[in-house]
Amino acid sequence: MATVELILMQRVDKLGQMGELVHVKPGYARNFLLPQKKAIRANKENLAKFEAQRVQLEAQNIKRREEAERLAERVGGLSVVIIRQAGESGSLYGSVSSRDIADACTGSGLTVNRNQVVLEHPIKSLGLTPVRVVLHPEVSIPVTVNVARSTEEAMKQARGEAIARDDDEDDTVNDEFLDPSEAPQPNI
């Protein structure tokens, strides 16, 4: 199988550190690493240019990482509330996506975009869900996403209380109708 040789311009999870030469599939390089400027093609010109700028690039990377670490310390333990409609079983009528979480984080004072939110799978039920927000390729913070039907329900979930169905909904069967012989008879 053909591979493409690239120089990483920043750390990429499960691939390597900045400055490493890596071999990847052409589609991964063409569709993700090159357009996002996470890597450049490894040819003689690019190798020479990278080596000339290596010290400057590493200094910029360290500065951005330190800023991300300071920000992570300030907003550590961030929890956001997202209000959604849901059925009685607690399953949402839609799902909570990374864009929704990014918007909620921005509303809470942490400016992130949806590409920085790492969701293993969309959130499709009420409750508390831990999510990872990547501030820098080497720094990420946990964010607790509290999905609820209302702000009161969100506060109960945050305290750890169980959420019961609304009492005003009367879906129970009346005890007087449990015995078929005592049930009202239709007029014929």
N, C-alpha and C. Protein backbone atom coordinates (compact mmCIF):
# COMPACT_ATOMS: atom_id res chain seq x y z
N MET A 1 0.84 -1.18 0.00
CA MET A 1 0.00 0.00 0.00
C MET A 1 0.88 1.23 0.00
N ALA A 2 0.55 2.20 -0.82
CA ALA A 2 1.32 3.43 -0.94
C ALA A 2 1.10 4.32 0.27
N THR A 3 2.15 4.97 0.69
CA THR A 3 2.05 5.93 1.79
C THR A 3 2.71 7.24 1.36
N VAL A 4 2.39 8.29 2.10
CA VAL A 4 2.94 9.61 1.86
C VAL A 4 3.79 9.98 3.05
N GLU A 5 4.97 10.56 2.79
CA GLU A 5 5.86 10.98 3.88
C GLU A 5 5.61 12.46 4.17
N LEU A 6 5.36 12.78 5.45
CA LEU A 6 5.05 14.14 5.86
C LEU A 6 5.91 14.55 7.06
N ILE A 7 6.04 15.86 7.24
CA ILE A 7 6.67 16.42 8.44
C ILE A 7 5.54 17.02 9.28
N LEU A 8 5.44 16.59 10.52
CA LEU A 8 4.38 17.11 11.38
C LEU A 8 4.74 18.52 11.86
N MET A 9 3.79 19.44 11.73
CA MET A 9 3.99 20.83 12.17
C MET A 9 3.50 21.03 13.60
N GLN A 10 2.76 20.06 14.13
CA GLN A 10 2.30 20.09 15.52
C GLN A 10 2.04 18.66 15.95
N ARG A 11 1.84 18.48 17.23
CA ARG A 11 1.55 17.15 17.76
C ARG A 11 0.19 16.69 17.26
N VAL A 12 0.14 15.43 16.80
CA VAL A 12 -1.11 14.84 16.35
C VAL A 12 -1.30 13.55 17.14
N ASP A 13 -2.48 13.41 17.79
CA ASP A 13 -2.76 12.22 18.59
C ASP A 13 -2.58 10.95 17.76
N LYS A 14 -1.98 9.96 18.35
CA LYS A 14 -1.78 8.64 17.77
C LYS A 14 -0.95 8.66 16.50
N LEU A 15 -0.19 9.77 16.28
CA LEU A 15 0.65 9.83 15.10
C LEU A 15 2.07 10.25 15.43
N GLY A 16 2.25 11.37 16.14
CA GLY A 16 3.61 11.78 16.49
C GLY A 16 3.69 13.21 16.97
N GLN A 17 4.93 13.63 17.28
CA GLN A 17 5.21 14.96 17.80
C GLN A 17 5.62 15.90 16.66
N MET A 18 5.69 17.18 16.97
CA MET A 18 6.10 18.17 15.99
C MET A 18 7.52 17.87 15.50
N GLY A 19 7.71 17.95 14.19
CA GLY A 19 9.03 17.75 13.60
C GLY A 19 9.32 16.32 13.17
N GLU A 20 8.47 15.38 13.55
CA GLU A 20 8.70 13.99 13.17
C GLU A 20 8.32 13.74 11.71
N LEU A 21 9.06 12.84 11.07
CA LEU A 21 8.71 12.36 9.74
C LEU A 21 7.80 11.16 9.92
N VAL A 22 6.63 11.21 9.30
CA VAL A 22 5.67 10.12 9.43
C VAL A 22 5.20 9.66 8.06
N HIS A 23 4.80 8.42 7.99
CA HIS A 23 4.22 7.85 6.78
C HIS A 23 2.75 7.59 7.04
N VAL A 24 1.89 8.19 6.21
CA VAL A 24 0.45 8.04 6.37
C VAL A 24 -0.17 7.71 5.02
N LYS A 25 -1.42 7.28 5.06
CA LYS A 25 -2.15 7.00 3.82
C LYS A 25 -2.41 8.31 3.08
N PRO A 26 -2.44 8.24 1.77
CA PRO A 26 -2.62 9.48 0.99
C PRO A 26 -3.91 10.23 1.31
N GLY A 27 -5.00 9.53 1.56
CA GLY A 27 -6.26 10.20 1.87
C GLY A 27 -6.21 10.97 3.17
N TYR A 28 -5.57 10.39 4.19
CA TYR A 28 -5.44 11.06 5.49
C TYR A 28 -4.62 12.33 5.33
N ALA A 29 -3.56 12.25 4.54
CA ALA A 29 -2.72 13.41 4.31
C ALA A 29 -3.48 14.47 3.51
N ARG A 30 -4.10 14.06 2.43
CA ARG A 30 -4.76 14.99 1.52
C ARG A 30 -6.01 15.63 2.12
N ASN A 31 -6.77 14.87 2.90
CA ASN A 31 -8.06 15.36 3.40
C ASN A 31 -8.01 15.97 4.80
N PHE A 32 -6.99 15.64 5.60
CA PHE A 32 -6.98 16.14 6.97
C PHE A 32 -5.69 16.88 7.33
N LEU A 33 -4.55 16.21 7.27
CA LEU A 33 -3.31 16.80 7.77
C LEU A 33 -2.85 18.02 6.97
N LEU A 34 -2.86 17.94 5.66
CA LEU A 34 -2.39 19.06 4.85
C LEU A 34 -3.35 20.26 4.86
N PRO A 35 -4.66 20.07 4.67
CA PRO A 35 -5.55 21.25 4.71
C PRO A 35 -5.59 21.95 6.07
N GLN A 36 -5.44 21.19 7.15
CA GLN A 36 -5.48 21.78 8.49
C GLN A 36 -4.11 22.32 8.91
N LYS A 37 -3.15 22.23 8.03
CA LYS A 37 -1.78 22.71 8.28
C LYS A 37 -1.14 22.03 9.49
N LYS A 38 -1.49 20.78 9.70
CA LYS A 38 -0.88 20.00 10.77
C LYS A 38 0.40 19.33 10.29
N ALA A 39 0.60 19.32 8.97
CA ALA A 39 1.78 18.70 8.39
C ALA A 39 2.09 19.32 7.04
N ILE A 40 3.33 19.12 6.58
CA ILE A 40 3.73 19.52 5.23
C ILE A 40 4.40 18.32 4.58
N ARG A 41 4.40 18.32 3.26
CA ARG A 41 5.04 17.21 2.53
C ARG A 41 6.53 17.20 2.82
N ALA A 42 7.08 16.01 2.92
CA ALA A 42 8.51 15.86 3.23
C ALA A 42 9.30 15.77 1.93
N ASN A 43 9.78 16.92 1.45
CA ASN A 43 10.71 16.94 0.33
C ASN A 43 11.92 17.75 0.77
N LYS A 44 12.94 17.83 -0.07
CA LYS A 44 14.19 18.49 0.34
C LYS A 44 13.96 19.96 0.70
N GLU A 45 13.16 20.66 -0.09
CA GLU A 45 12.92 22.08 0.19
C GLU A 45 12.21 22.28 1.52
N ASN A 46 11.16 21.51 1.76
CA ASN A 46 10.41 21.65 3.01
C ASN A 46 11.23 21.22 4.22
N LEU A 47 12.05 20.17 4.07
CA LEU A 47 12.92 19.75 5.18
C LEU A 47 13.88 20.87 5.56
N ALA A 48 14.50 21.51 4.54
CA ALA A 48 15.45 22.59 4.81
C ALA A 48 14.73 23.79 5.44
N LYS A 49 13.55 24.13 4.93
CA LYS A 49 12.80 25.26 5.47
C LYS A 49 12.36 24.98 6.91
N PHE A 50 11.92 23.74 7.18
CA PHE A 50 11.49 23.39 8.53
C PHE A 50 12.65 23.45 9.50
N GLU A 51 13.81 22.92 9.11
CA GLU A 51 14.97 22.94 10.01
C GLU A 51 15.42 24.37 10.30
N ALA A 52 15.29 25.27 9.31
CA ALA A 52 15.67 26.66 9.53
C ALA A 52 14.71 27.34 10.51
N GLN A 53 13.44 26.95 10.50
CA GLN A 53 12.44 27.58 11.36
C GLN A 53 12.11 26.76 12.60
N ARG A 54 12.77 25.64 12.80
CA ARG A 54 12.43 24.71 13.88
C ARG A 54 12.43 25.38 15.25
N VAL A 55 13.47 26.13 15.58
CA VAL A 55 13.59 26.74 16.90
C VAL A 55 12.44 27.73 17.11
N GLN A 56 12.15 28.53 16.09
CA GLN A 56 11.07 29.51 16.20
C GLN A 56 9.72 28.81 16.35
N LEU A 57 9.47 27.75 15.58
CA LEU A 57 8.21 27.01 15.66
C LEU A 57 8.04 26.34 17.02
N GLU A 58 9.12 25.77 17.55
CA GLU A 58 9.04 25.13 18.86
C GLU A 58 8.78 26.16 19.95
N ALA A 59 9.38 27.35 19.84
CA ALA A 59 9.14 28.40 20.83
C ALA A 59 7.68 28.86 20.79
N GLN A 60 7.13 29.02 19.58
CA GLN A 60 5.72 29.40 19.45
C GLN A 60 4.81 28.31 20.04
N ASN A 61 5.16 27.06 19.79
CA ASN A 61 4.37 25.93 20.31
C ASN A 61 4.39 25.93 21.84
N ILE A 62 5.55 26.15 22.43
CA ILE A 62 5.67 26.17 23.89
C ILE A 62 4.85 27.33 24.47
N LYS A 63 4.89 28.48 23.82
CA LYS A 63 4.13 29.64 24.30
C LYS A 63 2.63 29.36 24.25
N ARG A 64 2.15 28.80 23.14
CA ARG A 64 0.72 28.48 23.03
C ARG A 64 0.31 27.41 24.04
N ARG A 65 1.20 26.43 24.29
CA ARG A 65 0.89 25.39 25.27
C ARG A 65 0.78 25.97 26.67
N GLU A 66 1.69 26.88 27.04
CA GLU A 66 1.65 27.50 28.36
C GLU A 66 0.38 28.33 28.54
N GLU A 67 -0.02 29.05 27.49
CA GLU A 67 -1.28 29.81 27.57
C GLU A 67 -2.46 28.87 27.76
N ALA A 68 -2.46 27.75 27.05
CA ALA A 68 -3.54 26.77 27.18
C ALA A 68 -3.55 26.16 28.58
N GLU A 69 -2.37 25.90 29.15
CA GLU A 69 -2.30 25.34 30.51
C GLU A 69 -2.84 26.34 31.54
N ARG A 70 -2.51 27.63 31.38
CA ARG A 70 -3.04 28.65 32.31
C ARG A 70 -4.56 28.73 32.19
N LEU A 71 -5.06 28.70 30.97
CA LEU A 71 -6.50 28.73 30.76
C LEU A 71 -7.17 27.50 31.37
N ALA A 72 -6.54 26.34 31.22
CA ALA A 72 -7.09 25.10 31.77
C ALA A 72 -7.16 25.17 33.30
N GLU A 73 -6.17 25.78 33.93
CA GLU A 73 -6.20 25.93 35.38
C GLU A 73 -7.34 26.86 35.81
N ARG A 74 -7.57 27.93 35.04
CA ARG A 74 -8.63 28.89 35.39
C ARG A 74 -10.02 28.30 35.26
N VAL A 75 -10.26 27.52 34.23
CA VAL A 75 -11.61 27.01 33.97
C VAL A 75 -11.74 25.52 34.31
N GLY A 76 -10.84 25.00 35.09
CA GLY A 76 -10.90 23.58 35.46
C GLY A 76 -12.22 23.23 36.12
N GLY A 77 -12.79 22.10 35.78
CA GLY A 77 -14.04 21.66 36.36
C GLY A 77 -15.26 22.39 35.80
N LEU A 78 -15.17 22.88 34.58
CA LEU A 78 -16.28 23.61 33.96
C LEU A 78 -17.45 22.66 33.73
N SER A 79 -18.64 23.17 34.01
CA SER A 79 -19.86 22.42 33.78
C SER A 79 -20.83 23.31 33.03
N VAL A 80 -21.40 22.79 31.94
CA VAL A 80 -22.35 23.57 31.15
C VAL A 80 -23.71 22.87 31.15
N VAL A 81 -24.77 23.67 31.07
CA VAL A 81 -26.13 23.15 31.07
C VAL A 81 -26.72 23.36 29.68
N ILE A 82 -27.30 22.31 29.13
CA ILE A 82 -27.97 22.38 27.84
C ILE A 82 -29.40 21.90 28.05
N ILE A 83 -30.36 22.75 27.70
CA ILE A 83 -31.78 22.43 27.87
C ILE A 83 -32.30 21.87 26.55
N ARG A 84 -32.91 20.68 26.62
CA ARG A 84 -33.46 20.02 25.45
C ARG A 84 -34.79 19.36 25.81
N GLN A 85 -35.62 19.13 24.81
CA GLN A 85 -36.85 18.39 25.01
C GLN A 85 -36.52 16.91 24.98
N ALA A 86 -37.22 16.15 25.83
CA ALA A 86 -36.96 14.72 25.91
C ALA A 86 -38.24 13.98 26.24
N GLY A 87 -38.26 12.71 25.92
CA GLY A 87 -39.40 11.86 26.24
C GLY A 87 -39.38 11.46 27.70
N GLU A 88 -40.40 10.72 28.10
CA GLU A 88 -40.51 10.31 29.50
C GLU A 88 -39.38 9.37 29.91
N SER A 89 -38.85 8.61 28.97
CA SER A 89 -37.78 7.68 29.31
C SER A 89 -36.43 8.38 29.45
N GLY A 90 -36.37 9.66 29.11
CA GLY A 90 -35.12 10.39 29.24
C GLY A 90 -34.33 10.48 27.95
N SER A 91 -34.86 9.92 26.86
CA SER A 91 -34.14 10.01 25.59
C SER A 91 -34.54 11.30 24.88
N LEU A 92 -33.55 11.96 24.30
CA LEU A 92 -33.78 13.25 23.65
C LEU A 92 -34.49 13.06 22.32
N TYR A 93 -35.20 14.11 21.91
CA TYR A 93 -35.85 14.09 20.60
C TYR A 93 -34.87 14.41 19.48
N GLY A 94 -33.68 14.74 19.81
CA GLY A 94 -32.60 14.98 18.87
C GLY A 94 -31.33 14.48 19.53
N SER A 95 -30.24 15.17 19.33
CA SER A 95 -29.02 14.83 20.05
C SER A 95 -28.25 16.12 20.32
N VAL A 96 -27.32 16.04 21.25
CA VAL A 96 -26.47 17.18 21.57
C VAL A 96 -25.15 16.95 20.85
N SER A 97 -24.80 17.88 19.99
CA SER A 97 -23.60 17.74 19.16
C SER A 97 -22.46 18.57 19.73
N SER A 98 -21.30 18.45 19.11
CA SER A 98 -20.14 19.22 19.54
C SER A 98 -20.37 20.71 19.35
N ARG A 99 -21.15 21.11 18.36
CA ARG A 99 -21.46 22.52 18.15
C ARG A 99 -22.28 23.07 19.32
N ASP A 100 -23.25 22.29 19.81
CA ASP A 100 -24.06 22.72 20.95
C ASP A 100 -23.18 22.91 22.20
N ILE A 101 -22.26 21.98 22.40
CA ILE A 101 -21.38 22.05 23.57
C ILE A 101 -20.43 23.25 23.45
N ALA A 102 -19.90 23.50 22.25
CA ALA A 102 -19.02 24.65 22.04
C ALA A 102 -19.76 25.95 22.30
N ASP A 103 -21.01 26.05 21.84
CA ASP A 103 -21.81 27.25 22.10
C ASP A 103 -22.06 27.44 23.60
N ALA A 104 -22.36 26.35 24.31
CA ALA A 104 -22.59 26.43 25.75
C ALA A 104 -21.31 26.83 26.49
N CYS A 105 -20.17 26.31 26.07
CA CYS A 105 -18.89 26.68 26.69
C CYS A 105 -18.59 28.15 26.45
N THR A 106 -18.86 28.63 25.24
CA THR A 106 -18.64 30.04 24.93
C THR A 106 -19.55 30.92 25.79
N GLY A 107 -20.78 30.48 26.01
CA GLY A 107 -21.68 31.21 26.89
C GLY A 107 -21.21 31.23 28.33
N SER A 108 -20.42 30.23 28.73
CA SER A 108 -19.90 30.15 30.10
C SER A 108 -18.56 30.85 30.26
N GLY A 109 -18.04 31.43 29.18
CA GLY A 109 -16.80 32.18 29.29
C GLY A 109 -15.58 31.50 28.71
N LEU A 110 -15.69 30.31 28.18
CA LEU A 110 -14.57 29.60 27.56
C LEU A 110 -14.81 29.57 26.06
N THR A 111 -14.06 30.35 25.30
CA THR A 111 -14.27 30.42 23.86
C THR A 111 -13.58 29.25 23.18
N VAL A 112 -14.40 28.36 22.64
CA VAL A 112 -13.89 27.21 21.89
C VAL A 112 -14.76 27.06 20.65
N ASN A 113 -14.22 26.35 19.65
CA ASN A 113 -15.04 26.04 18.49
C ASN A 113 -15.37 24.56 18.50
N ARG A 114 -16.24 24.15 17.63
CA ARG A 114 -16.74 22.78 17.67
C ARG A 114 -15.67 21.74 17.36
N ASN A 115 -14.60 22.15 16.66
CA ASN A 115 -13.53 21.20 16.35
C ASN A 115 -12.71 20.86 17.58
N GLN A 116 -12.78 21.68 18.62
CA GLN A 116 -12.02 21.43 19.84
C GLN A 116 -12.75 20.50 20.80
N VAL A 117 -14.04 20.27 20.57
CA VAL A 117 -14.84 19.41 21.45
C VAL A 117 -14.73 17.98 20.94
N VAL A 118 -14.28 17.06 21.81
CA VAL A 118 -14.11 15.66 21.43
C VAL A 118 -15.26 14.86 22.02
N LEU A 119 -16.15 14.40 21.16
CA LEU A 119 -17.29 13.56 21.55
C LEU A 119 -17.06 12.16 21.00
N GLU A 120 -17.11 11.18 21.86
CA GLU A 120 -16.98 9.80 21.38
C GLU A 120 -18.20 9.42 20.55
N HIS A 121 -19.37 9.89 20.99
CA HIS A 121 -20.63 9.66 20.28
C HIS A 121 -21.59 10.77 20.69
N PRO A 122 -22.57 11.10 19.86
CA PRO A 122 -23.50 12.18 20.23
C PRO A 122 -24.25 11.84 21.51
N ILE A 123 -24.60 12.86 22.26
CA ILE A 123 -25.35 12.67 23.51
C ILE A 123 -26.82 12.59 23.15
N LYS A 124 -27.47 11.48 23.50
CA LYS A 124 -28.86 11.26 23.11
C LYS A 124 -29.79 11.04 24.29
N SER A 125 -29.31 11.30 25.52
CA SER A 125 -30.16 11.11 26.68
C SER A 125 -29.86 12.18 27.73
N LEU A 126 -30.81 12.36 28.64
CA LEU A 126 -30.65 13.32 29.72
C LEU A 126 -29.58 12.83 30.69
N GLY A 127 -28.95 13.75 31.39
CA GLY A 127 -27.98 13.38 32.41
C GLY A 127 -26.68 14.13 32.28
N LEU A 128 -25.72 13.73 33.10
CA LEU A 128 -24.39 14.34 33.11
C LEU A 128 -23.47 13.49 32.24
N THR A 129 -22.74 14.14 31.34
CA THR A 129 -21.83 13.43 30.45
C THR A 129 -20.48 14.15 30.45
N PRO A 130 -19.39 13.43 30.72
CA PRO A 130 -18.07 14.06 30.63
C PRO A 130 -17.62 14.15 29.16
N VAL A 131 -17.08 15.30 28.79
CA VAL A 131 -16.60 15.56 27.43
C VAL A 131 -15.22 16.18 27.55
N ARG A 132 -14.38 15.95 26.55
CA ARG A 132 -13.02 16.49 26.55
C ARG A 132 -12.96 17.65 25.56
N VAL A 133 -12.40 18.79 26.01
CA VAL A 133 -12.19 19.95 25.15
C VAL A 133 -10.69 20.15 24.99
N VAL A 134 -10.22 20.14 23.75
CA VAL A 134 -8.79 20.25 23.45
C VAL A 134 -8.46 21.72 23.23
N LEU A 135 -7.67 22.30 24.15
CA LEU A 135 -7.26 23.69 24.04
C LEU A 135 -5.99 23.83 23.22
N HIS A 136 -5.17 22.80 23.22
CA HIS A 136 -3.89 22.74 22.50
C HIS A 136 -3.66 21.27 22.24
N PRO A 137 -2.90 20.90 21.22
CA PRO A 137 -2.68 19.47 20.97
C PRO A 137 -2.14 18.70 22.17
N GLU A 138 -1.53 19.39 23.13
CA GLU A 138 -0.98 18.72 24.31
C GLU A 138 -1.76 19.02 25.59
N VAL A 139 -2.80 19.86 25.51
CA VAL A 139 -3.57 20.26 26.70
C VAL A 139 -5.06 20.10 26.41
N SER A 140 -5.72 19.33 27.27
CA SER A 140 -7.17 19.22 27.16
C SER A 140 -7.78 19.28 28.56
N ILE A 141 -9.04 19.70 28.62
CA ILE A 141 -9.73 19.80 29.91
C ILE A 141 -11.02 19.02 29.85
N PRO A 142 -11.44 18.47 30.99
CA PRO A 142 -12.75 17.82 31.02
C PRO A 142 -13.84 18.85 31.27
N VAL A 143 -14.95 18.70 30.57
CA VAL A 143 -16.12 19.55 30.75
C VAL A 143 -17.31 18.64 30.99
N THR A 144 -18.08 18.93 32.02
CA THR A 144 -19.28 18.15 32.31
C THR A 144 -20.46 18.79 31.62
N VAL A 145 -21.13 18.03 30.77
CA VAL A 145 -22.30 18.52 30.05
C VAL A 145 -23.54 17.99 30.77
N ASN A 146 -24.37 18.91 31.26
CA ASN A 146 -25.58 18.58 31.99
C ASN A 146 -26.76 18.81 31.05
N VAL A 147 -27.33 17.73 30.52
CA VAL A 147 -28.46 17.84 29.60
C VAL A 147 -29.73 17.59 30.41
N ALA A 148 -30.65 18.57 30.38
CA ALA A 148 -31.87 18.49 31.16
C ALA A 148 -33.02 19.12 30.40
N ARG A 149 -34.25 18.89 30.92
CA ARG A 149 -35.44 19.48 30.32
C ARG A 149 -35.66 20.91 30.77
N SER A 150 -35.19 21.26 31.98
CA SER A 150 -35.37 22.60 32.53
C SER A 150 -34.18 22.93 33.43
N THR A 151 -34.08 24.19 33.81
CA THR A 151 -32.97 24.58 34.69
C THR A 151 -33.13 23.96 36.08
N GLU A 152 -34.39 23.79 36.55
CA GLU A 152 -34.61 23.16 37.85
C GLU A 152 -34.11 21.71 37.81
N GLU A 153 -34.44 21.01 36.73
CA GLU A 153 -33.99 19.62 36.58
C GLU A 153 -32.47 19.55 36.48
N ALA A 154 -31.86 20.52 35.82
CA ALA A 154 -30.41 20.55 35.70
C ALA A 154 -29.75 20.73 37.07
N MET A 155 -30.36 21.58 37.92
CA MET A 155 -29.80 21.78 39.26
C MET A 155 -29.92 20.51 40.09
N LYS A 156 -31.05 19.79 39.96
CA LYS A 156 -31.21 18.53 40.68
C LYS A 156 -30.18 17.51 40.22
N GLN A 157 -29.97 17.42 38.90
CA GLN A 157 -28.97 16.48 38.37
C GLN A 157 -27.58 16.82 38.86
N ALA A 158 -27.26 18.11 38.92
CA ALA A 158 -25.94 18.54 39.37
C ALA A 158 -25.70 18.17 40.83
N ARG A 159 -26.78 18.18 41.65
CA ARG A 159 -26.66 17.79 43.06
C ARG A 159 -26.62 16.28 43.22
N GLY A 160 -26.95 15.54 42.16
CA GLY A 160 -26.93 14.08 42.23
C GLY A 160 -28.27 13.48 42.56
N GLU A 161 -29.33 14.27 42.53
CA GLU A 161 -30.66 13.75 42.83
C GLU A 161 -31.22 13.03 41.62
N ALA A 162 -32.04 12.03 41.88
CA ALA A 162 -32.69 11.30 40.79
C ALA A 162 -33.82 12.14 40.25
N ILE A 163 -34.00 12.10 38.95
CA ILE A 163 -35.05 12.86 38.30
C ILE A 163 -36.24 11.93 38.09
N ALA A 164 -37.37 12.27 38.74
CA ALA A 164 -38.59 11.46 38.61
C ALA A 164 -39.49 12.10 37.58
N ARG A 165 -40.45 11.32 37.09
CA ARG A 165 -41.42 11.87 36.15
C ARG A 165 -42.29 12.88 36.88
N ASP A 166 -42.88 13.79 36.11
CA ASP A 166 -43.75 14.80 36.71
C ASP A 166 -44.94 14.14 37.37
N ASP A 167 -45.30 14.62 38.58
CA ASP A 167 -46.41 14.04 39.33
C ASP A 167 -47.76 14.46 38.77
N ASP A 168 -47.82 15.59 38.04
CA ASP A 168 -49.09 16.05 37.53
C ASP A 168 -49.59 15.19 36.36
N GLU A 169 -48.73 14.36 35.80
CA GLU A 169 -49.16 13.44 34.76
C GLU A 169 -49.69 12.19 35.42
N ASP A 170 -50.95 11.87 35.18
CA ASP A 170 -51.56 10.74 35.85
C ASP A 170 -51.74 9.61 34.86
N ASP A 171 -50.69 8.79 34.71
CA ASP A 171 -50.73 7.66 33.79
C ASP A 171 -51.00 6.35 34.51
N THR A 172 -51.25 6.41 35.80
CA THR A 172 -51.44 5.18 36.58
C THR A 172 -52.84 4.64 36.38
N VAL A 173 -52.99 3.37 36.58
CA VAL A 173 -54.29 2.72 36.47
C VAL A 173 -54.99 2.84 37.81
N ASN A 174 -56.25 3.22 37.79
CA ASN A 174 -56.99 3.34 39.05
C ASN A 174 -57.17 1.97 39.67
N ASP A 175 -57.01 1.89 40.99
CA ASP A 175 -57.13 0.62 41.69
C ASP A 175 -58.54 0.04 41.59
N GLU A 176 -59.56 0.90 41.44
CA GLU A 176 -60.94 0.40 41.42
C GLU A 176 -61.23 -0.42 40.16
N PHE A 177 -60.39 -0.30 39.14
CA PHE A 177 -60.65 -1.04 37.90
C PHE A 177 -59.80 -2.29 37.76
N LEU A 178 -59.11 -2.67 38.80
CA LEU A 178 -58.27 -3.86 38.70
C LEU A 178 -59.09 -5.14 38.70
N ASP A 179 -60.20 -5.16 39.39
CA ASP A 179 -61.05 -6.34 39.42
C ASP A 179 -62.11 -6.20 38.31
N PRO A 180 -62.09 -7.08 37.29
CA PRO A 180 -63.00 -6.93 36.16
C PRO A 180 -64.46 -7.02 36.56
N SER A 181 -64.80 -7.75 37.62
CA SER A 181 -66.20 -7.86 38.00
C SER A 181 -66.76 -6.55 38.56
N GLU A 182 -65.84 -5.67 39.08
CA GLU A 182 -66.29 -4.42 39.65
C GLU A 182 -66.21 -3.26 38.68
N ALA A 183 -65.75 -3.50 37.46
CA ALA A 183 -65.62 -2.43 36.47
C ALA A 183 -67.00 -1.98 36.02
N PRO A 184 -67.18 -0.70 35.70
CA PRO A 184 -68.47 -0.22 35.25
C PRO A 184 -68.87 -0.93 33.95
N GLN A 185 -70.12 -1.28 33.87
CA GLN A 185 -70.64 -1.98 32.69
C GLN A 185 -71.24 -0.97 31.73
N PRO A 186 -70.97 -1.11 30.44
CA PRO A 186 -71.56 -0.18 29.47
C PRO A 186 -73.07 -0.41 29.37
N ASN A 187 -73.79 0.65 29.13
CA ASN A 187 -75.24 0.54 28.91
C ASN A 187 -75.49 0.07 27.48
N ILE A 188 -76.29 -1.00 27.39
CA ILE A 188 -76.57 -1.54 26.07
C ILE A 188 -77.99 -1.25 25.69
